[in-house]
Structure formats: C-alpha cells, structure tokens
Amino acid sequence: MKKTFPLQIPGQADARVVEAVKNEVRKYVSRERRKTLPEGFDLWNFRCKVGPDRDGAGDCELGNLTPAIDEVVRARAPAVYVEIMAEPGKRILPSESP
C-alpha cells in the first residue's frame, strides 16, 4: 500500500477522518496477514513509512504506525502518506541467535 490520505474533508469532522485512515490501515494489514505465505517462510514482515508526503516519509515500525499518523496530524499537515510493504520472513528462535 502506497497511499496519500487527505486529513481534512469538507463536511466531516477531522477526528473522524483520522480514525477512518487508521481503520483502513488496520484492515489492509489484516488482509495482508491472511495471505498464503510462500514455501519456506512462516510470517509476514512489514516495512512501513509515514509522513506528510512521499518525500518526507520516514521509516516506522508496524506497532508505531498509528502514533506516527497522530504525529503527522499534530503537525497540522493537510495529508498523510502511508506506505506498507509486506514481505515474507522467517521467525528466529532464541536458540538460533548467534
């Protein structure tokens, strides 16, 4: 997902627009997690970027995605850019760590 969401829509409360953005992001992540993994992989890793626009987007952990969106809203940006890329990964068990 690479998408720019407007944060102000005429006729809608700004708080509702932000919650709709967060809801769409959560739904997208849920859909990606349900996809079948390729052979030899056991989980999905997500690379995320959030910012006021594509050029100003910074890397972000999946767990910090909604606070990062809130940070853009607090900066009074007119829009928020969200990029989420799913890639297959392997779980590393503590006994396998170097």
PDB file of N, CA and C in Angstrom:
ATOM      1  N   MET A   1       0.852  -1.167   0.000  1.00  0.00           N
ATOM      2  CA  MET A   1       0.000   0.000   0.000  1.00  0.00           C
ATOM      3  C   MET A   1       0.896   1.228   0.000  1.00  0.00           C
ATOM      4  N   LYS A   2       0.690   2.070  -0.942  1.00  0.00           N
ATOM      5  CA  LYS A   2       1.344   3.370  -1.008  1.00  0.00           C
ATOM      6  C   LYS A   2       0.228   4.361  -1.287  1.00  0.00           C
ATOM      7  N   LYS A   3      -0.136   5.129  -0.267  1.00  0.00           N
ATOM      8  CA  LYS A   3      -1.314   5.970  -0.428  1.00  0.00           C
ATOM      9  C   LYS A   3      -1.177   7.258   0.374  1.00  0.00           C
ATOM     10  N   THR A   4      -1.677   8.345  -0.200  1.00  0.00           N
ATOM     11  CA  THR A   4      -1.748   9.622   0.496  1.00  0.00           C
ATOM     12  C   THR A   4      -3.198   9.866   0.871  1.00  0.00           C
ATOM     13  N   PHE A   5      -3.450  10.041   2.152  1.00  0.00           N
ATOM     14  CA  PHE A   5      -4.798  10.274   2.663  1.00  0.00           C
ATOM     15  C   PHE A   5      -4.961  11.747   3.008  1.00  0.00           C
ATOM     16  N   PRO A   6      -6.019  12.416   2.515  1.00  0.00           N
ATOM     17  CA  PRO A   6      -6.288  13.789   2.966  1.00  0.00           C
ATOM     18  C   PRO A   6      -6.781  13.751   4.413  1.00  0.00           C
ATOM     19  N   LEU A   7      -6.373  14.731   5.203  1.00  0.00           N
ATOM     20  CA  LEU A   7      -6.776  14.767   6.613  1.00  0.00           C
ATOM     21  C   LEU A   7      -7.936  15.714   6.872  1.00  0.00           C
ATOM     22  N   GLN A   8      -8.300  16.518   5.879  1.00  0.00           N
ATOM     23  CA  GLN A   8      -9.445  17.406   6.016  1.00  0.00           C
ATOM     24  C   GLN A   8     -10.367  17.194   4.825  1.00  0.00           C
ATOM     25  N   ILE A   9     -11.583  16.769   5.130  1.00  0.00           N
ATOM     26  CA  ILE A   9     -12.593  16.564   4.106  1.00  0.00           C
ATOM     27  C   ILE A   9     -13.784  17.442   4.476  1.00  0.00           C
ATOM     28  N   PRO A  10     -14.225  18.301   3.560  1.00  0.00           N
ATOM     29  CA  PRO A  10     -15.362  19.174   3.869  1.00  0.00           C
ATOM     30  C   PRO A  10     -16.591  18.361   4.271  1.00  0.00           C
ATOM     31  N   GLY A  11     -17.227  18.797   5.346  1.00  0.00           N
ATOM     32  CA  GLY A  11     -18.442  18.138   5.811  1.00  0.00           C
ATOM     33  C   GLY A  11     -18.188  16.997   6.776  1.00  0.00           C
ATOM     34  N   GLN A  12     -16.924  16.697   7.067  1.00  0.00           N
ATOM     35  CA  GLN A  12     -16.607  15.636   8.022  1.00  0.00           C
ATOM     36  C   GLN A  12     -15.681  16.177   9.098  1.00  0.00           C
ATOM     37  N   ALA A  13     -15.890  15.700  10.323  1.00  0.00           N
ATOM     38  CA  ALA A  13     -15.029  16.108  11.429  1.00  0.00           C
ATOM     39  C   ALA A  13     -13.634  15.533  11.211  1.00  0.00           C
ATOM     40  N   ASP A  14     -12.610  16.344  11.497  1.00  0.00           N
ATOM     41  CA  ASP A  14     -11.233  15.915  11.277  1.00  0.00           C
ATOM     42  C   ASP A  14     -10.889  14.649  12.059  1.00  0.00           C
ATOM     43  N   ALA A  15     -11.400  14.534  13.286  1.00  0.00           N
ATOM     44  CA  ALA A  15     -11.121  13.355  14.106  1.00  0.00           C
ATOM     45  C   ALA A  15     -11.674  12.087  13.447  1.00  0.00           C
ATOM     46  N   ARG A  16     -12.829  12.187  12.828  1.00  0.00           N
ATOM     47  CA  ARG A  16     -13.434  11.033  12.141  1.00  0.00           C
ATOM     48  C   ARG A  16     -12.615  10.638  10.910  1.00  0.00           C
ATOM     49  N   VAL A  17     -12.070  11.621  10.220  1.00  0.00           N
ATOM     50  CA  VAL A  17     -11.258  11.349   9.036  1.00  0.00           C
ATOM     51  C   VAL A  17      -9.983  10.601   9.451  1.00  0.00           C
ATOM     52  N   VAL A  18      -9.364  11.049  10.529  1.00  0.00           N
ATOM     53  CA  VAL A  18      -8.144  10.391  11.024  1.00  0.00           C
ATOM     54  C   VAL A  18      -8.447   8.956  11.442  1.00  0.00           C
ATOM     55  N   GLU A  19      -9.556   8.741  12.139  1.00  0.00           N
ATOM     56  CA  GLU A  19      -9.929   7.377  12.543  1.00  0.00           C
ATOM     57  C   GLU A  19     -10.214   6.502  11.328  1.00  0.00           C
ATOM     58  N   ALA A  20     -10.777   7.069  10.268  1.00  0.00           N
ATOM     59  CA  ALA A  20     -11.028   6.302   9.052  1.00  0.00           C
ATOM     60  C   ALA A  20      -9.710   5.888   8.388  1.00  0.00           C
ATOM     61  N   VAL A  21      -8.715   6.763   8.423  1.00  0.00           N
ATOM     62  CA  VAL A  21      -7.396   6.441   7.879  1.00  0.00           C
ATOM     63  C   VAL A  21      -6.783   5.282   8.664  1.00  0.00           C
ATOM     64  N   LYS A  22      -6.811   5.383   9.982  1.00  0.00           N
ATOM     65  CA  LYS A  22      -6.254   4.319  10.831  1.00  0.00           C
ATOM     66  C   LYS A  22      -6.987   3.002  10.615  1.00  0.00           C
ATOM     67  N   ASN A  23      -8.298   3.072  10.463  1.00  0.00           N
ATOM     68  CA  ASN A  23      -9.081   1.858  10.235  1.00  0.00           C
ATOM     69  C   ASN A  23      -8.706   1.210   8.901  1.00  0.00           C
ATOM     70  N   GLU A  24      -8.532   2.014   7.868  1.00  0.00           N
ATOM     71  CA  GLU A  24      -8.152   1.464   6.566  1.00  0.00           C
ATOM     72  C   GLU A  24      -6.769   0.805   6.631  1.00  0.00           C
ATOM     73  N   VAL A  25      -5.859   1.405   7.368  1.00  0.00           N
ATOM     74  CA  VAL A  25      -4.519   0.826   7.535  1.00  0.00           C
ATOM     75  C   VAL A  25      -4.606  -0.509   8.264  1.00  0.00           C
ATOM     76  N   ARG A  26      -5.395  -0.563   9.348  1.00  0.00           N
ATOM     77  CA  ARG A  26      -5.552  -1.823  10.101  1.00  0.00           C
ATOM     78  C   ARG A  26      -6.172  -2.908   9.230  1.00  0.00           C
ATOM     79  N   LYS A  27      -7.163  -2.560   8.438  1.00  0.00           N
ATOM     80  CA  LYS A  27      -7.800  -3.536   7.553  1.00  0.00           C
ATOM     81  C   LYS A  27      -6.815  -4.052   6.506  1.00  0.00           C
ATOM     82  N   TYR A  28      -5.989  -3.175   5.973  1.00  0.00           N
ATOM     83  CA  TYR A  28      -5.008  -3.585   4.979  1.00  0.00           C
ATOM     84  C   TYR A  28      -4.013  -4.581   5.580  1.00  0.00           C
ATOM     85  N   VAL A  29      -3.510  -4.281   6.774  1.00  0.00           N
ATOM     86  CA  VAL A  29      -2.550  -5.178   7.435  1.00  0.00           C
ATOM     87  C   VAL A  29      -3.205  -6.530   7.715  1.00  0.00           C
ATOM     88  N   SER A  30      -4.448  -6.526   8.153  1.00  0.00           N
ATOM     89  CA  SER A  30      -5.158  -7.783   8.406  1.00  0.00           C
ATOM     90  C   SER A  30      -5.302  -8.608   7.131  1.00  0.00           C
ATOM     91  N   ARG A  31      -5.639  -7.957   6.023  1.00  0.00           N
ATOM     92  CA  ARG A  31      -5.759  -8.665   4.744  1.00  0.00           C
ATOM     93  C   ARG A  31      -4.422  -9.260   4.325  1.00  0.00           C
ATOM     94  N   GLU A  32      -3.344  -8.498   4.485  1.00  0.00           N
ATOM     95  CA  GLU A  32      -2.014  -8.988   4.091  1.00  0.00           C
ATOM     96  C   GLU A  32      -1.600 -10.185   4.950  1.00  0.00           C
ATOM     97  N   ARG A  33      -1.918 -10.154   6.217  1.00  0.00           N
ATOM     98  CA  ARG A  33      -1.548 -11.267   7.108  1.00  0.00           C
ATOM     99  C   ARG A  33      -2.295 -12.548   6.774  1.00  0.00           C
ATOM    100  N   ARG A  34      -3.476 -12.431   6.193  1.00  0.00           N
ATOM    101  CA  ARG A  34      -4.257 -13.616   5.829  1.00  0.00           C
ATOM    102  C   ARG A  34      -3.768 -14.280   4.547  1.00  0.00           C
ATOM    103  N   LYS A  35      -2.949 -13.601   3.771  1.00  0.00           N
ATOM    104  CA  LYS A  35      -2.460 -14.166   2.522  1.00  0.00           C
ATOM    105  C   LYS A  35      -1.579 -15.383   2.799  1.00  0.00           C
ATOM    106  N   THR A  36      -1.570 -16.307   1.859  1.00  0.00           N
ATOM    107  CA  THR A  36      -0.767 -17.517   1.989  1.00  0.00           C
ATOM    108  C   THR A  36       0.714 -17.178   1.849  1.00  0.00           C
ATOM    109  N   LEU A  37       1.512 -17.708   2.768  1.00  0.00           N
ATOM    110  CA  LEU A  37       2.953 -17.478   2.730  1.00  0.00           C
ATOM    111  C   LEU A  37       3.618 -18.381   1.694  1.00  0.00           C
ATOM    112  N   PRO A  38       4.674 -17.907   1.050  1.00  0.00           N
ATOM    113  CA  PRO A  38       5.423 -18.766   0.139  1.00  0.00           C
ATOM    114  C   PRO A  38       6.080 -19.925   0.903  1.00  0.00           C
ATOM    115  N   GLU A  39       6.429 -20.957   0.197  1.00  0.00           N
ATOM    116  CA  GLU A  39       7.067 -22.131   0.784  1.00  0.00           C
ATOM    117  C   GLU A  39       8.368 -21.732   1.497  1.00  0.00           C
ATOM    118  N   GLY A  40       8.544 -22.224   2.727  1.00  0.00           N
ATOM    119  CA  GLY A  40       9.768 -21.970   3.477  1.00  0.00           C
ATOM    120  C   GLY A  40       9.726 -20.739   4.369  1.00  0.00           C
ATOM    121  N   PHE A  41       8.630 -20.003   4.385  1.00  0.00           N
ATOM    122  CA  PHE A  41       8.510 -18.810   5.227  1.00  0.00           C
ATOM    123  C   PHE A  41       7.388 -19.030   6.236  1.00  0.00           C
ATOM    124  N   ASP A  42       7.491 -18.362   7.395  1.00  0.00           N
ATOM    125  CA  ASP A  42       6.476 -18.598   8.416  1.00  0.00           C
ATOM    126  C   ASP A  42       5.832 -17.335   8.983  1.00  0.00           C
ATOM    127  N   LEU A  43       6.170 -16.156   8.469  1.00  0.00           N
ATOM    128  CA  LEU A  43       5.492 -14.931   8.912  1.00  0.00           C
ATOM    129  C   LEU A  43       5.661 -13.833   7.885  1.00  0.00           C
ATOM    130  N   TRP A  44       4.848 -12.791   8.041  1.00  0.00           N
ATOM    131  CA  TRP A  44       4.954 -11.608   7.187  1.00  0.00           C
ATOM    132  C   TRP A  44       5.694 -10.512   7.947  1.00  0.00           C
ATOM    133  N   ASN A  45       6.683  -9.898   7.332  1.00  0.00           N
ATOM    134  CA  ASN A  45       7.346  -8.710   7.863  1.00  0.00           C
ATOM    135  C   ASN A  45       6.786  -7.507   7.121  1.00  0.00           C
ATOM    136  N   PHE A  46       6.649  -6.399   7.824  1.00  0.00           N
ATOM    137  CA  PHE A  46       6.098  -5.191   7.206  1.00  0.00           C
ATOM    138  C   PHE A  46       7.113  -4.061   7.293  1.00  0.00           C
ATOM    139  N   ARG A  47       7.432  -3.464   6.133  1.00  0.00           N
ATOM    140  CA  ARG A  47       8.253  -2.257   6.085  1.00  0.00           C
ATOM    141  C   ARG A  47       7.293  -1.090   5.935  1.00  0.00           C
ATOM    142  N   CYS A  48       7.375  -0.130   6.836  1.00  0.00           N
ATOM    143  CA  CYS A  48       6.406   0.971   6.856  1.00  0.00           C
ATOM    144  C   CYS A  48       7.112   2.319   6.785  1.00  0.00           C
ATOM    145  N   LYS A  49       6.443   3.268   6.169  1.00  0.00           N
ATOM    146  CA  LYS A  49       6.878   4.664   6.128  1.00  0.00           C
ATOM    147  C   LYS A  49       5.646   5.533   6.342  1.00  0.00           C
ATOM    148  N   VAL A  50       5.820   6.603   7.097  1.00  0.00           N
ATOM    149  CA  VAL A  50       4.729   7.545   7.353  1.00  0.00           C
ATOM    150  C   VAL A  50       5.302   8.953   7.330  1.00  0.00           C
ATOM    151  N   GLY A  51       4.535   9.879   6.756  1.00  0.00           N
ATOM    152  CA  GLY A  51       4.959  11.267   6.734  1.00  0.00           C
ATOM    153  C   GLY A  51       3.896  12.146   6.111  1.00  0.00           C
ATOM    154  N   PRO A  52       4.147  13.446   6.083  1.00  0.00           N
ATOM    155  CA  PRO A  52       3.167  14.364   5.493  1.00  0.00           C
ATOM    156  C   PRO A  52       3.070  14.227   3.973  1.00  0.00           C
ATOM    157  N   ASP A  53       4.137  13.732   3.343  1.00  0.00           N
ATOM    158  CA  ASP A  53       4.125  13.462   1.908  1.00  0.00           C
ATOM    159  C   ASP A  53       5.145  12.361   1.615  1.00  0.00           C
ATOM    160  N   ARG A  54       5.220  11.964   0.359  1.00  0.00           N
ATOM    161  CA  ARG A  54       6.086  10.842  -0.012  1.00  0.00           C
ATOM    162  C   ARG A  54       7.560  11.137   0.285  1.00  0.00           C
ATOM    163  N   ASP A  55       7.993  12.353  -0.012  1.00  0.00           N
ATOM    164  CA  ASP A  55       9.395  12.716   0.204  1.00  0.00           C
ATOM    165  C   ASP A  55       9.735  12.866   1.683  1.00  0.00           C
ATOM    166  N   GLY A  56       8.775  13.273   2.486  1.00  0.00           N
ATOM    167  CA  GLY A  56       9.017  13.494   3.905  1.00  0.00           C
ATOM    168  C   GLY A  56       8.700  12.305   4.785  1.00  0.00           C
ATOM    169  N   ALA A  57       8.401  11.156   4.176  1.00  0.00           N
ATOM    170  CA  ALA A  57       8.043   9.973   4.955  1.00  0.00           C
ATOM    171  C   ALA A  57       9.287   9.316   5.536  1.00  0.00           C
ATOM    172  N   GLY A  58       9.180   8.940   6.810  1.00  0.00           N
ATOM    173  CA  GLY A  58      10.277   8.263   7.484  1.00  0.00           C
ATOM    174  C   GLY A  58       9.906   6.834   7.826  1.00  0.00           C
ATOM    175  N   ASP A  59      10.921   5.998   8.007  1.00  0.00           N
ATOM    176  CA  ASP A  59      10.686   4.607   8.375  1.00  0.00           C
ATOM    177  C   ASP A  59      10.000   4.517   9.723  1.00  0.00           C
ATOM    178  N   CYS A  60       9.188   3.477   9.861  1.00  0.00           N
ATOM    179  CA  CYS A  60       8.384   3.315  11.061  1.00  0.00           C
ATOM    180  C   CYS A  60       8.129   1.825  11.287  1.00  0.00           C
ATOM    181  N   GLU A  61       8.094   1.407  12.531  1.00  0.00           N
ATOM    182  CA  GLU A  61       7.730   0.027  12.864  1.00  0.00           C
ATOM    183  C   GLU A  61       6.215  -0.112  12.735  1.00  0.00           C
ATOM    184  N   LEU A  62       5.745  -1.318  12.453  1.00  0.00           N
ATOM    185  CA  LEU A  62       4.312  -1.544  12.313  1.00  0.00           C
ATOM    186  C   LEU A  62       3.566  -1.176  13.593  1.00  0.00           C
ATOM    187  N   GLY A  63       4.140  -1.501  14.741  1.00  0.00           N
ATOM    188  CA  GLY A  63       3.496  -1.198  16.014  1.00  0.00           C
ATOM    189  C   GLY A  63       3.412   0.289  16.325  1.00  0.00           C
ATOM    190  N   ASN A  64       4.235   1.085  15.679  1.00  0.00           N
ATOM    191  CA  ASN A  64       4.238   2.533  15.908  1.00  0.00           C
ATOM    192  C   ASN A  64       3.557   3.300  14.786  1.00  0.00           C
ATOM    193  N   LEU A  65       2.803   2.603  13.966  1.00  0.00           N
ATOM    194  CA  LEU A  65       2.179   3.233  12.811  1.00  0.00           C
ATOM    195  C   LEU A  65       1.117   4.255  13.210  1.00  0.00           C
ATOM    196  N   THR A  66       0.197   3.880  14.107  1.00  0.00           N
ATOM    197  CA  THR A  66      -0.853   4.836  14.486  1.00  0.00           C
ATOM    198  C   THR A  66      -0.296   6.028  15.268  1.00  0.00           C
ATOM    199  N   PRO A  67       0.681   5.843  16.179  1.00  0.00           N
ATOM    200  CA  PRO A  67       1.269   7.048  16.791  1.00  0.00           C
ATOM    201  C   PRO A  67       1.979   7.941  15.772  1.00  0.00           C
ATOM    202  N   ALA A  68       2.573   7.351  14.736  1.00  0.00           N
ATOM    203  CA  ALA A  68       3.229   8.147  13.700  1.00  0.00           C
ATOM    204  C   ALA A  68       2.196   8.950  12.904  1.00  0.00           C
ATOM    205  N   ILE A  69       1.041   8.354  12.652  1.00  0.00           N
ATOM    206  CA  ILE A  69      -0.040   9.083  11.969  1.00  0.00           C
ATOM    207  C   ILE A  69      -0.507  10.238  12.859  1.00  0.00           C
ATOM    208  N   ASP A  70      -0.655   9.971  14.159  1.00  0.00           N
ATOM    209  CA  ASP A  70      -1.051  11.030  15.095  1.00  0.00           C
ATOM    210  C   ASP A  70      -0.037  12.170  15.108  1.00  0.00           C
ATOM    211  N   GLU A  71       1.241  11.843  14.985  1.00  0.00           N
ATOM    212  CA  GLU A  71       2.290  12.864  14.962  1.00  0.00           C
ATOM    213  C   GLU A  71       2.129  13.777  13.739  1.00  0.00           C
ATOM    214  N   VAL A  72       1.811  13.202  12.594  1.00  0.00           N
ATOM    215  CA  VAL A  72       1.593  13.995  11.378  1.00  0.00           C
ATOM    216  C   VAL A  72       0.362  14.886  11.552  1.00  0.00           C
ATOM    217  N   VAL A  73      -0.676  14.346  12.190  1.00  0.00           N
ATOM    218  CA  VAL A  73      -1.899  15.132  12.427  1.00  0.00           C
ATOM    219  C   VAL A  73      -1.592  16.304  13.357  1.00  0.00           C
ATOM    220  N   ARG A  74      -0.803  16.056  14.410  1.00  0.00           N
ATOM    221  CA  ARG A  74      -0.443  17.132  15.347  1.00  0.00           C
ATOM    222  C   ARG A  74       0.385  18.220  14.666  1.00  0.00           C
ATOM    223  N   ALA A  75       1.121  17.871  13.623  1.00  0.00           N
ATOM    224  CA  ALA A  75       1.909  18.855  12.877  1.00  0.00           C
ATOM    225  C   ALA A  75       1.037  19.675  11.917  1.00  0.00           C
ATOM    226  N   ARG A  76      -0.270  19.382  11.923  1.00  0.00           N
ATOM    227  CA  ARG A  76      -1.254  20.098  11.097  1.00  0.00           C
ATOM    228  C   ARG A  76      -0.980  19.980   9.601  1.00  0.00           C
ATOM    229  N   ALA A  77      -0.534  18.813   9.180  1.00  0.00           N
ATOM    230  CA  ALA A  77      -0.315  18.564   7.750  1.00  0.00           C
ATOM    231  C   ALA A  77      -1.670  18.380   7.066  1.00  0.00           C
ATOM    232  N   PRO A  78      -1.790  18.773   5.809  1.00  0.00           N
ATOM    233  CA  PRO A  78      -3.071  18.612   5.110  1.00  0.00           C
ATOM    234  C   PRO A  78      -3.337  17.162   4.697  1.00  0.00           C
ATOM    235  N   ALA A  79      -2.280  16.337   4.671  1.00  0.00           N
ATOM    236  CA  ALA A  79      -2.438  14.940   4.266  1.00  0.00           C
ATOM    237  C   ALA A  79      -1.378  14.096   4.967  1.00  0.00           C
ATOM    238  N   VAL A  80      -1.587  12.781   4.933  1.00  0.00           N
ATOM    239  CA  VAL A  80      -0.605  11.856   5.493  1.00  0.00           C
ATOM    240  C   VAL A  80      -0.324  10.774   4.444  1.00  0.00           C
ATOM    241  N   TYR A  81       0.969  10.500   4.231  1.00  0.00           N
ATOM    242  CA  TYR A  81       1.393   9.462   3.295  1.00  0.00           C
ATOM    243  C   TYR A  81       1.727   8.217   4.112  1.00  0.00           C
ATOM    244  N   VAL A  82       1.147   7.082   3.717  1.00  0.00           N
ATOM    245  CA  VAL A  82       1.389   5.811   4.403  1.00  0.00           C
ATOM    246  C   VAL A  82       1.844   4.793   3.367  1.00  0.00           C
ATOM    247  N   GLU A  83       2.970   4.156   3.658  1.00  0.00           N
ATOM    248  CA  GLU A  83       3.489   3.104   2.789  1.00  0.00           C
ATOM    249  C   GLU A  83       3.709   1.863   3.651  1.00  0.00           C
ATOM    250  N   ILE A  84       3.079   0.760   3.258  1.00  0.00           N
ATOM    251  CA  ILE A  84       3.225  -0.510   3.967  1.00  0.00           C
ATOM    252  C   ILE A  84       3.525  -1.578   2.929  1.00  0.00           C
ATOM    253  N   MET A  85       4.679  -2.205   3.057  1.00  0.00           N
ATOM    254  CA  MET A  85       5.083  -3.257   2.137  1.00  0.00           C
ATOM    255  C   MET A  85       5.265  -4.549   2.934  1.00  0.00           C
ATOM    256  N   ALA A  86       4.537  -5.592   2.538  1.00  0.00           N
ATOM    257  CA  ALA A  86       4.631  -6.890   3.205  1.00  0.00           C
ATOM    258  C   ALA A  86       5.659  -7.749   2.476  1.00  0.00           C
ATOM    259  N   GLU A  87       6.501  -8.421   3.258  1.00  0.00           N
ATOM    260  CA  GLU A  87       7.471  -9.341   2.673  1.00  0.00           C
ATOM    261  C   GLU A  87       7.563 -10.577   3.562  1.00  0.00           C
ATOM    262  N   PRO A  88       7.693 -11.751   2.965  1.00  0.00           N
ATOM    263  CA  PRO A  88       7.758 -12.969   3.766  1.00  0.00           C
ATOM    264  C   PRO A  88       9.054 -13.016   4.570  1.00  0.00           C
ATOM    265  N   GLY A  89       8.964 -13.603   5.758  1.00  0.00           N
ATOM    266  CA  GLY A  89      10.138 -13.703   6.618  1.00  0.00           C
ATOM    267  C   GLY A  89      10.136 -15.000   7.398  1.00  0.00           C
ATOM    268  N   LYS A  90      11.259 -15.254   8.057  1.00  0.00           N
ATOM    269  CA  LYS A  90      11.401 -16.443   8.887  1.00  0.00           C
ATOM    270  C   LYS A  90      11.561 -16.015  10.334  1.00  0.00           C
ATOM    271  N   ARG A  91      10.908 -16.751  11.202  1.00  0.00           N
ATOM    272  CA  ARG A  91      10.992 -16.489  12.628  1.00  0.00           C
ATOM    273  C   ARG A  91      12.345 -16.979  13.134  1.00  0.00           C
ATOM    274  N   ILE A  92      13.028 -16.161  13.942  1.00  0.00           N
ATOM    275  CA  ILE A  92      14.297 -16.553  14.522  1.00  0.00           C
ATOM    276  C   ILE A  92      14.054 -16.895  15.990  1.00  0.00           C
ATOM    277  N   LEU A  93      14.305 -18.127  16.332  1.00  0.00           N
ATOM    278  CA  LEU A  93      14.118 -18.582  17.695  1.00  0.00           C
ATOM    279  C   LEU A  93      15.324 -18.183  18.535  1.00  0.00           C
ATOM    280  N   PRO A  94      15.135 -17.949  19.857  1.00  0.00           N
ATOM    281  CA  PRO A  94      16.269 -17.544  20.704  1.00  0.00           C
ATOM    282  C   PRO A  94      17.431 -18.525  20.663  1.00  0.00           C
ATOM    283  N   SER A  95      17.156 -19.816  20.503  1.00  0.00           N
ATOM    284  CA  SER A  95      18.237 -20.798  20.473  1.00  0.00           C
ATOM    285  C   SER A  95      19.044 -20.719  19.171  1.00  0.00           C
ATOM    286  N   GLU A  96      18.506 -20.060  18.139  1.00  0.00           N
ATOM    287  CA  GLU A  96      19.177 -19.942  16.862  1.00  0.00           C
ATOM    288  C   GLU A  96      19.983 -18.656  16.748  1.00  0.00           C
ATOM    289  N   SER A  97      19.879 -17.758  17.717  1.00  0.00           N
ATOM    290  CA  SER A  97      20.580 -16.475  17.660  1.00  0.00           C
ATOM    291  C   SER A  97      22.090 -16.702  17.801  1.00  0.00           C
ATOM    292  N   PRO A  98      22.890 -15.852  17.154  1.00  0.00           N
ATOM    293  CA  PRO A  98      24.351 -16.014  17.255  1.00  0.00           C
ATOM    294  C   PRO A  98      24.882 -15.658  18.613  1.00  0.00           C
TER     295      PRO A  98
END
